[in-house]
Amino acid sequence: MKNLILISLFVCAAFITVSAKANLLVDPGFESNPLTTDVAVINTPNPMLPGVWGQENSTIVGAEFTVTPAQGVKMLRMENTGSYTQTFQATDVTSYAALIDSGGATVGINALFNANPKIAAALGGIGVSFFTTSTYSSLTSSISNTLTLDNAPGTWQSISVSGAIPAGTRWLLSQVYFQDSTLQGVPPDPTYYGGYVDAADLIITPEPATMVLLGIGALSLMRKRTVR
C-alpha cells in the first residue's frame, strides 16, 4: 500500500508539472515589449539577441478592421515585404542541454493567425530552427508548417509544428510568417493588407523537472522492492 501511495504521489506531481509547461517565448502575445528588427535578432555574425521579437515589416496593434486580438488587447500585424514577411525570436536552451543531448527532447511551437477580411486566403506559417551556438552560422536544421486561412476575421486559426531537437542544440530561433503574395486583396483589388499573429507558444517536452520527479519515483520504488 505504501508503495502504491508513493508512486501515485510522484505520478501526480509529474502530471502537474506537465500541465504547467513553461512557454519559452518572451511576450508571446505582443502585449508589453517593443519590437526590434529581424537583423538585430539574427545579428550575423555576432550572437543572436534572445527574448525579443525581431520583425521585417510588422507593427503591434490593437483591434482593427474587425479583427480583435485573440488574447489581451494587442496583436502583431505583418505586412508585405516582397516575398515572405517574417518575425523572429531567439531562445537560449542551454539549460536543457542534458535533456536535448540524451535524444529525448521535443519542441513544439504554436500561434494563432488571422487576416484582414479583404484578403481571400492568406498563407500563414510557423517554424523553429536549431543552432549549436548563439550565432546564425551554426544552424543545423529547421521544422515548419503552413496553413491557408479563411477570410473570417472572427476566427483565429492555429498553426503548429513539433519535432525532435537535434543533439547539440543550444539555441532555438522561432518564427511566424506570411507569404506576401497571399496578402493581396481580392481581385481586382491590388492593395496588400495585413496578416495577424497572436498567442504564440514554444514548449520543450519533457521538462527537466518532470524527468527528475519520475526518476526519483522510480528510485523510491526500486528501494522499496530491495527492502522486501
C-alpha atoms as a PDB file:
ATOM      1  CA  MET A   1       0.000   0.000   0.000  1.00  0.00           C
ATOM      2  CA  LYS A   2       2.807   2.426   0.861  1.00  0.00           C
ATOM      3  CA  ASN A   3       4.451   1.706  -2.475  1.00  0.00           C
ATOM      4  CA  LEU A   4       1.185   2.451  -4.264  1.00  0.00           C
ATOM      5  CA  ILE A   5       0.728   5.741  -2.399  1.00  0.00           C
ATOM      6  CA  LEU A   6       4.314   6.794  -3.093  1.00  0.00           C
ATOM      7  CA  ILE A   7       4.029   6.001  -6.805  1.00  0.00           C
ATOM      8  CA  SER A   8       0.709   7.837  -7.017  1.00  0.00           C
ATOM      9  CA  LEU A   9       2.198  10.937  -5.408  1.00  0.00           C
ATOM     10  CA  PHE A  10       5.097  11.067  -7.841  1.00  0.00           C
ATOM     11  CA  VAL A  11       2.891  10.411 -10.864  1.00  0.00           C
ATOM     12  CA  CYS A  12       0.501  13.169  -9.780  1.00  0.00           C
ATOM     13  CA  ALA A  13       3.399  15.573  -9.270  1.00  0.00           C
ATOM     14  CA  ALA A  14       4.718  14.730 -12.716  1.00  0.00           C
ATOM     15  CA  PHE A  15       1.331  15.377 -14.319  1.00  0.00           C
ATOM     16  CA  ILE A  16       1.050  18.705 -12.502  1.00  0.00           C
ATOM     17  CA  THR A  17       4.444  19.695 -13.908  1.00  0.00           C
ATOM     18  CA  VAL A  18       3.449  18.661 -17.437  1.00  0.00           C
ATOM     19  CA  SER A  19       0.169  20.569 -17.255  1.00  0.00           C
ATOM     20  CA  ALA A  20       2.052  23.736 -16.306  1.00  0.00           C
ATOM     21  CA  LYS A  21       4.613  23.624 -19.099  1.00  0.00           C
ATOM     22  CA  ALA A  22       6.615  26.814 -19.428  1.00  0.00           C
ATOM     23  CA  ASN A  23       6.236  28.918 -22.545  1.00  0.00           C
ATOM     24  CA  LEU A  24       9.814  29.800 -23.513  1.00  0.00           C
ATOM     25  CA  LEU A  25       8.815  32.807 -25.615  1.00  0.00           C
ATOM     26  CA  VAL A  26       9.026  36.276 -24.093  1.00  0.00           C
ATOM     27  CA  ASP A  27       5.911  38.411 -24.638  1.00  0.00           C
ATOM     28  CA  PRO A  28       4.112  35.679 -26.624  1.00  0.00           C
ATOM     29  CA  GLY A  29       1.020  37.860 -27.070  1.00  0.00           C
ATOM     30  CA  PHE A  30       2.872  41.023 -28.183  1.00  0.00           C
ATOM     31  CA  GLU A  31       1.468  42.919 -25.211  1.00  0.00           C
ATOM     32  CA  SER A  32       4.352  44.557 -23.384  1.00  0.00           C
ATOM     33  CA  ASN A  33       7.668  44.700 -25.258  1.00  0.00           C
ATOM     34  CA  PRO A  34       8.748  46.831 -28.217  1.00  0.00           C
ATOM     35  CA  LEU A  35       9.705  45.139 -31.463  1.00  0.00           C
ATOM     36  CA  THR A  36      13.197  45.278 -32.877  1.00  0.00           C
ATOM     37  CA  THR A  37      14.398  44.384 -36.362  1.00  0.00           C
ATOM     38  CA  ASP A  38      14.968  40.888 -37.710  1.00  0.00           C
ATOM     39  CA  VAL A  39      18.598  41.837 -38.354  1.00  0.00           C
ATOM     40  CA  ALA A  40      19.067  42.769 -34.684  1.00  0.00           C
ATOM     41  CA  VAL A  41      17.765  39.356 -33.545  1.00  0.00           C
ATOM     42  CA  ILE A  42      19.687  37.240 -36.047  1.00  0.00           C
ATOM     43  CA  ASN A  43      22.674  39.594 -35.776  1.00  0.00           C
ATOM     44  CA  THR A  44      25.079  37.714 -38.064  1.00  0.00           C
ATOM     45  CA  PRO A  45      27.982  37.210 -37.399  1.00  0.00           C
ATOM     46  CA  ASN A  46      27.502  38.326 -33.790  1.00  0.00           C
ATOM     47  CA  PRO A  47      25.472  36.440 -31.164  1.00  0.00           C
ATOM     48  CA  MET A  48      21.712  36.342 -31.626  1.00  0.00           C
ATOM     49  CA  LEU A  49      19.586  38.597 -29.414  1.00  0.00           C
ATOM     50  CA  PRO A  50      17.376  36.449 -27.148  1.00  0.00           C
ATOM     51  CA  GLY A  51      13.889  37.142 -25.853  1.00  0.00           C
ATOM     52  CA  VAL A  52      12.932  39.948 -28.264  1.00  0.00           C
ATOM     53  CA  TRP A  53      10.677  39.821 -31.308  1.00  0.00           C
ATOM     54  CA  GLY A  54      12.534  40.980 -34.423  1.00  0.00           C
ATOM     55  CA  GLN A  55      10.416  41.855 -37.444  1.00  0.00           C
ATOM     56  CA  GLU A  56      10.777  42.792 -41.097  1.00  0.00           C
ATOM     57  CA  ASN A  57       7.639  44.870 -41.663  1.00  0.00           C
ATOM     58  CA  SER A  58       5.346  44.453 -38.686  1.00  0.00           C
ATOM     59  CA  THR A  59       3.565  46.568 -36.081  1.00  0.00           C
ATOM     60  CA  ILE A  60       1.951  45.839 -32.727  1.00  0.00           C
ATOM     61  CA  VAL A  61      -1.675  46.976 -32.924  1.00  0.00           C
ATOM     62  CA  GLY A  62      -4.989  46.732 -31.126  1.00  0.00           C
ATOM     63  CA  ALA A  63      -8.274  45.671 -32.665  1.00  0.00           C
ATOM     64  CA  GLU A  64      -8.690  46.888 -36.239  1.00  0.00           C
ATOM     65  CA  PHE A  65     -10.523  46.027 -39.474  1.00  0.00           C
ATOM     66  CA  THR A  66     -12.964  43.859 -37.467  1.00  0.00           C
ATOM     67  CA  VAL A  67     -10.057  41.693 -36.207  1.00  0.00           C
ATOM     68  CA  THR A  68      -9.866  41.503 -32.407  1.00  0.00           C
ATOM     69  CA  PRO A  69      -6.775  40.182 -30.553  1.00  0.00           C
ATOM     70  CA  ALA A  70      -7.091  36.521 -29.616  1.00  0.00           C
ATOM     71  CA  GLN A  71      -5.853  37.296 -26.108  1.00  0.00           C
ATOM     72  CA  GLY A  72      -5.068  40.520 -24.310  1.00  0.00           C
ATOM     73  CA  VAL A  73      -5.536  43.811 -26.143  1.00  0.00           C
ATOM     74  CA  LYS A  74      -2.733  43.688 -28.715  1.00  0.00           C
ATOM     75  CA  MET A  75      -1.566  41.547 -31.634  1.00  0.00           C
ATOM     76  CA  LEU A  76       1.096  41.569 -34.339  1.00  0.00           C
ATOM     77  CA  ARG A  77       0.182  42.906 -37.778  1.00  0.00           C
ATOM     78  CA  MET A  78       2.512  41.653 -40.528  1.00  0.00           C
ATOM     79  CA  GLU A  79       2.645  43.333 -43.936  1.00  0.00           C
ATOM     80  CA  ASN A  80       4.079  42.796 -47.401  1.00  0.00           C
ATOM     81  CA  THR A  81       7.864  42.857 -47.843  1.00  0.00           C
ATOM     82  CA  GLY A  82       8.044  41.333 -51.313  1.00  0.00           C
ATOM     83  CA  SER A  83       8.316  37.591 -50.681  1.00  0.00           C
ATOM     84  CA  TYR A  84       7.693  36.441 -47.105  1.00  0.00           C
ATOM     85  CA  THR A  85       7.253  38.723 -44.117  1.00  0.00           C
ATOM     86  CA  GLN A  86       8.824  37.168 -41.021  1.00  0.00           C
ATOM     87  CA  THR A  87       9.130  37.833 -37.306  1.00  0.00           C
ATOM     88  CA  PHE A  88      11.731  36.018 -35.174  1.00  0.00           C
ATOM     89  CA  GLN A  89      12.636  35.357 -31.548  1.00  0.00           C
ATOM     90  CA  ALA A  90      15.819  33.605 -30.382  1.00  0.00           C
ATOM     91  CA  THR A  91      15.801  31.402 -27.259  1.00  0.00           C
ATOM     92  CA  ASP A  92      18.799  30.122 -25.309  1.00  0.00           C
ATOM     93  CA  VAL A  93      18.108  26.480 -24.344  1.00  0.00           C
ATOM     94  CA  THR A  94      21.488  25.715 -22.768  1.00  0.00           C
ATOM     95  CA  SER A  95      19.712  24.822 -19.509  1.00  0.00           C
ATOM     96  CA  TYR A  96      18.057  21.938 -21.399  1.00  0.00           C
ATOM     97  CA  ALA A  97      21.407  20.611 -22.716  1.00  0.00           C
ATOM     98  CA  ALA A  98      21.388  17.279 -20.850  1.00  0.00           C
ATOM     99  CA  LEU A  99      17.837  16.512 -21.912  1.00  0.00           C
ATOM    100  CA  ILE A 100      18.474  17.548 -25.519  1.00  0.00           C
ATOM    101  CA  ASP A 101      21.710  15.595 -25.831  1.00  0.00           C
ATOM    102  CA  SER A 102      20.020  12.485 -24.435  1.00  0.00           C
ATOM    103  CA  GLY A 103      17.937  12.437 -27.604  1.00  0.00           C
ATOM    104  CA  GLY A 104      14.640  12.632 -25.759  1.00  0.00           C
ATOM    105  CA  ALA A 105      13.648  16.277 -26.200  1.00  0.00           C
ATOM    106  CA  THR A 106      10.828  17.504 -28.429  1.00  0.00           C
ATOM    107  CA  VAL A 107       9.968  21.105 -29.229  1.00  0.00           C
ATOM    108  CA  GLY A 108       6.533  22.344 -30.172  1.00  0.00           C
ATOM    109  CA  ILE A 109       5.565  25.803 -31.386  1.00  0.00           C
ATOM    110  CA  ASN A 110       2.079  27.134 -31.946  1.00  0.00           C
ATOM    111  CA  ALA A 111       0.480  30.513 -32.698  1.00  0.00           C
ATOM    112  CA  LEU A 112      -2.896  31.886 -33.709  1.00  0.00           C
ATOM    113  CA  PHE A 113      -3.287  33.525 -37.132  1.00  0.00           C
ATOM    114  CA  ASN A 114      -5.860  35.816 -38.716  1.00  0.00           C
ATOM    115  CA  ALA A 115      -6.021  38.277 -41.599  1.00  0.00           C
ATOM    116  CA  ASN A 116      -7.726  41.372 -42.916  1.00  0.00           C
ATOM    117  CA  PRO A 117     -11.135  40.297 -44.286  1.00  0.00           C
ATOM    118  CA  LYS A 118     -10.291  41.893 -47.655  1.00  0.00           C
ATOM    119  CA  ILE A 119      -7.783  39.063 -48.196  1.00  0.00           C
ATOM    120  CA  ALA A 120      -9.221  35.909 -49.766  1.00  0.00           C
ATOM    121  CA  ALA A 121      -6.796  33.263 -48.479  1.00  0.00           C
ATOM    122  CA  ALA A 122      -3.687  34.386 -46.580  1.00  0.00           C
ATOM    123  CA  LEU A 123      -0.960  31.746 -46.177  1.00  0.00           C
ATOM    124  CA  GLY A 124       0.491  31.807 -42.672  1.00  0.00           C
ATOM    125  CA  GLY A 125       3.391  29.789 -41.350  1.00  0.00           C
ATOM    126  CA  ILE A 126       5.372  28.916 -38.258  1.00  0.00           C
ATOM    127  CA  GLY A 127       8.757  27.313 -37.659  1.00  0.00           C
ATOM    128  CA  VAL A 128      11.701  26.594 -35.392  1.00  0.00           C
ATOM    129  CA  SER A 129      15.371  26.460 -36.377  1.00  0.00           C
ATOM    130  CA  PHE A 130      18.099  24.689 -34.394  1.00  0.00           C
ATOM    131  CA  PHE A 131      21.579  26.079 -33.632  1.00  0.00           C
ATOM    132  CA  THR A 132      24.589  24.652 -31.805  1.00  0.00           C
ATOM    133  CA  THR A 133      25.813  28.099 -30.695  1.00  0.00           C
ATOM    134  CA  SER A 134      24.352  31.584 -30.392  1.00  0.00           C
ATOM    135  CA  THR A 135      25.417  32.505 -33.921  1.00  0.00           C
ATOM    136  CA  TYR A 136      23.268  32.067 -37.017  1.00  0.00           C
ATOM    137  CA  SER A 137      26.107  30.332 -38.856  1.00  0.00           C
ATOM    138  CA  SER A 138      25.687  27.316 -36.536  1.00  0.00           C
ATOM    139  CA  LEU A 139      22.266  26.456 -38.000  1.00  0.00           C
ATOM    140  CA  THR A 140      21.769  22.692 -38.278  1.00  0.00           C
ATOM    141  CA  SER A 141      18.117  22.203 -39.327  1.00  0.00           C
ATOM    142  CA  SER A 142      14.584  23.572 -39.169  1.00  0.00           C
ATOM    143  CA  ILE A 143      10.970  22.450 -38.945  1.00  0.00           C
ATOM    144  CA  SER A 144       7.951  24.409 -40.186  1.00  0.00           C
ATOM    145  CA  ASN A 145       4.288  24.236 -41.109  1.00  0.00           C
ATOM    146  CA  THR A 146       1.816  26.409 -43.053  1.00  0.00           C
ATOM    147  CA  LEU A 147      -1.925  26.890 -43.336  1.00  0.00           C
ATOM    148  CA  THR A 148      -4.148  28.770 -45.784  1.00  0.00           C
ATOM    149  CA  LEU A 149      -6.501  30.845 -43.652  1.00  0.00           C
ATOM    150  CA  ASP A 150     -10.165  31.513 -44.195  1.00  0.00           C
ATOM    151  CA  ASN A 151     -11.252  35.130 -44.568  1.00  0.00           C
ATOM    152  CA  ALA A 152     -13.450  35.195 -41.464  1.00  0.00           C
ATOM    153  CA  PRO A 153     -11.920  37.826 -39.150  1.00  0.00           C
ATOM    154  CA  GLY A 154     -13.810  36.470 -36.156  1.00  0.00           C
ATOM    155  CA  THR A 155     -11.957  33.161 -36.427  1.00  0.00           C
ATOM    156  CA  TRP A 156      -8.380  32.765 -35.216  1.00  0.00           C
ATOM    157  CA  GLN A 157      -6.734  29.673 -36.670  1.00  0.00           C
ATOM    158  CA  SER A 158      -3.950  27.696 -35.053  1.00  0.00           C
ATOM    159  CA  ILE A 159      -0.742  26.756 -36.870  1.00  0.00           C
ATOM    160  CA  SER A 160       1.709  24.470 -35.092  1.00  0.00           C
ATOM    161  CA  VAL A 161       4.650  22.189 -35.666  1.00  0.00           C
ATOM    162  CA  SER A 162       6.701  19.895 -33.439  1.00  0.00           C
ATOM    163  CA  GLY A 163       9.729  17.671 -33.754  1.00  0.00           C
ATOM    164  CA  ALA A 164      12.769  16.183 -32.053  1.00  0.00           C
ATOM    165  CA  ILE A 165      15.501  18.612 -31.030  1.00  0.00           C
ATOM    166  CA  PRO A 166      18.847  17.552 -32.533  1.00  0.00           C
ATOM    167  CA  ALA A 167      21.574  16.674 -30.034  1.00  0.00           C
ATOM    168  CA  GLY A 168      23.961  19.567 -29.556  1.00  0.00           C
ATOM    169  CA  THR A 169      21.277  22.229 -29.943  1.00  0.00           C
ATOM    170  CA  ARG A 170      21.801  25.200 -27.636  1.00  0.00           C
ATOM    171  CA  TRP A 171      19.665  27.882 -29.308  1.00  0.00           C
ATOM    172  CA  LEU A 172      16.276  27.947 -30.986  1.00  0.00           C
ATOM    173  CA  LEU A 173      15.008  30.548 -33.436  1.00  0.00           C
ATOM    174  CA  SER A 174      11.217  30.719 -33.603  1.00  0.00           C
ATOM    175  CA  GLN A 175       9.467  32.449 -36.449  1.00  0.00           C
ATOM    176  CA  VAL A 176       5.980  33.350 -37.603  1.00  0.00           C
ATOM    177  CA  TYR A 177       5.427  34.459 -41.174  1.00  0.00           C
ATOM    178  CA  PHE A 178       3.075  35.152 -44.088  1.00  0.00           C
ATOM    179  CA  GLN A 179       3.579  34.583 -47.800  1.00  0.00           C
ATOM    180  CA  ASP A 180       3.295  38.107 -49.168  1.00  0.00           C
ATOM    181  CA  SER A 181       1.599  37.213 -52.443  1.00  0.00           C
ATOM    182  CA  THR A 182      -1.374  35.901 -50.437  1.00  0.00           C
ATOM    183  CA  LEU A 183      -1.837  39.207 -48.588  1.00  0.00           C
ATOM    184  CA  GLN A 184      -3.177  40.941 -51.691  1.00  0.00           C
ATOM    185  CA  GLY A 185      -6.809  41.995 -51.798  1.00  0.00           C
ATOM    186  CA  VAL A 186      -9.456  40.021 -53.629  1.00  0.00           C
ATOM    187  CA  PRO A 187      -9.125  40.833 -57.381  1.00  0.00           C
ATOM    188  CA  PRO A 188      -9.390  43.358 -58.834  1.00  0.00           C
ATOM    189  CA  ASP A 189      -8.143  44.995 -55.584  1.00  0.00           C
ATOM    190  CA  PRO A 190      -4.317  45.284 -55.904  1.00  0.00           C
ATOM    191  CA  THR A 191      -3.809  46.516 -52.331  1.00  0.00           C
ATOM    192  CA  TYR A 192      -1.782  44.491 -49.842  1.00  0.00           C
ATOM    193  CA  TYR A 193      -3.341  44.140 -46.398  1.00  0.00           C
ATOM    194  CA  GLY A 194      -2.106  42.817 -43.062  1.00  0.00           C
ATOM    195  CA  GLY A 195      -1.976  39.337 -41.608  1.00  0.00           C
ATOM    196  CA  TYR A 196      -2.145  38.957 -37.833  1.00  0.00           C
ATOM    197  CA  VAL A 197      -0.465  36.746 -35.229  1.00  0.00           C
ATOM    198  CA  ASP A 198      -1.201  36.345 -31.510  1.00  0.00           C
ATOM    199  CA  ALA A 199      -0.757  33.955 -28.581  1.00  0.00           C
ATOM    200  CA  ALA A 200       2.469  32.245 -29.644  1.00  0.00           C
ATOM    201  CA  ASP A 201       3.710  29.287 -27.601  1.00  0.00           C
ATOM    202  CA  LEU A 202       7.101  27.483 -27.529  1.00  0.00           C
ATOM    203  CA  ILE A 203       7.443  24.402 -25.313  1.00  0.00           C
ATOM    204  CA  ILE A 204      10.112  21.747 -24.792  1.00  0.00           C
ATOM    205  CA  THR A 205       8.883  18.312 -23.696  1.00  0.00           C
ATOM    206  CA  PRO A 206       9.523  16.679 -21.313  1.00  0.00           C
ATOM    207  CA  GLU A 207      10.626  19.412 -18.962  1.00  0.00           C
ATOM    208  CA  PRO A 208      13.690  18.650 -16.815  1.00  0.00           C
ATOM    209  CA  ALA A 209      11.643  18.911 -13.606  1.00  0.00           C
ATOM    210  CA  THR A 210       9.298  16.196 -14.855  1.00  0.00           C
ATOM    211  CA  MET A 211      12.188  13.855 -15.595  1.00  0.00           C
ATOM    212  CA  VAL A 212      13.630  14.419 -12.110  1.00  0.00           C
ATOM    213  CA  LEU A 213      10.307  13.610 -10.461  1.00  0.00           C
ATOM    214  CA  LEU A 214       9.841  10.447 -12.491  1.00  0.00           C
ATOM    215  CA  GLY A 215      13.417   9.425 -11.792  1.00  0.00           C
ATOM    216  CA  ILE A 216      13.015   9.902  -8.039  1.00  0.00           C
ATOM    217  CA  GLY A 217       9.767   7.936  -8.163  1.00  0.00           C
ATOM    218  CA  ALA A 218      11.480   5.038  -9.925  1.00  0.00           C
ATOM    219  CA  LEU A 219      14.359   5.041  -7.433  1.00  0.00           C
ATOM    220  CA  SER A 220      11.947   5.013  -4.492  1.00  0.00           C
ATOM    221  CA  LEU A 221      10.096   2.053  -5.973  1.00  0.00           C
ATOM    222  CA  MET A 222      13.360   0.166  -6.527  1.00  0.00           C
ATOM    223  CA  ARG A 223      14.442   0.803  -2.926  1.00  0.00           C
ATOM    224  CA  LYS A 224      11.118  -0.478  -1.594  1.00  0.00           C
ATOM    225  CA  ARG A 225      11.458  -3.651  -3.669  1.00  0.00           C
ATOM    226  CA  THR A 226      15.030  -4.113  -2.403  1.00  0.00           C
ATOM    227  CA  VAL A 227      13.910  -3.845   1.235  1.00  0.00           C
ATOM    228  CA  ARG A 228      11.324  -6.515   0.626  1.00  0.00           C
END
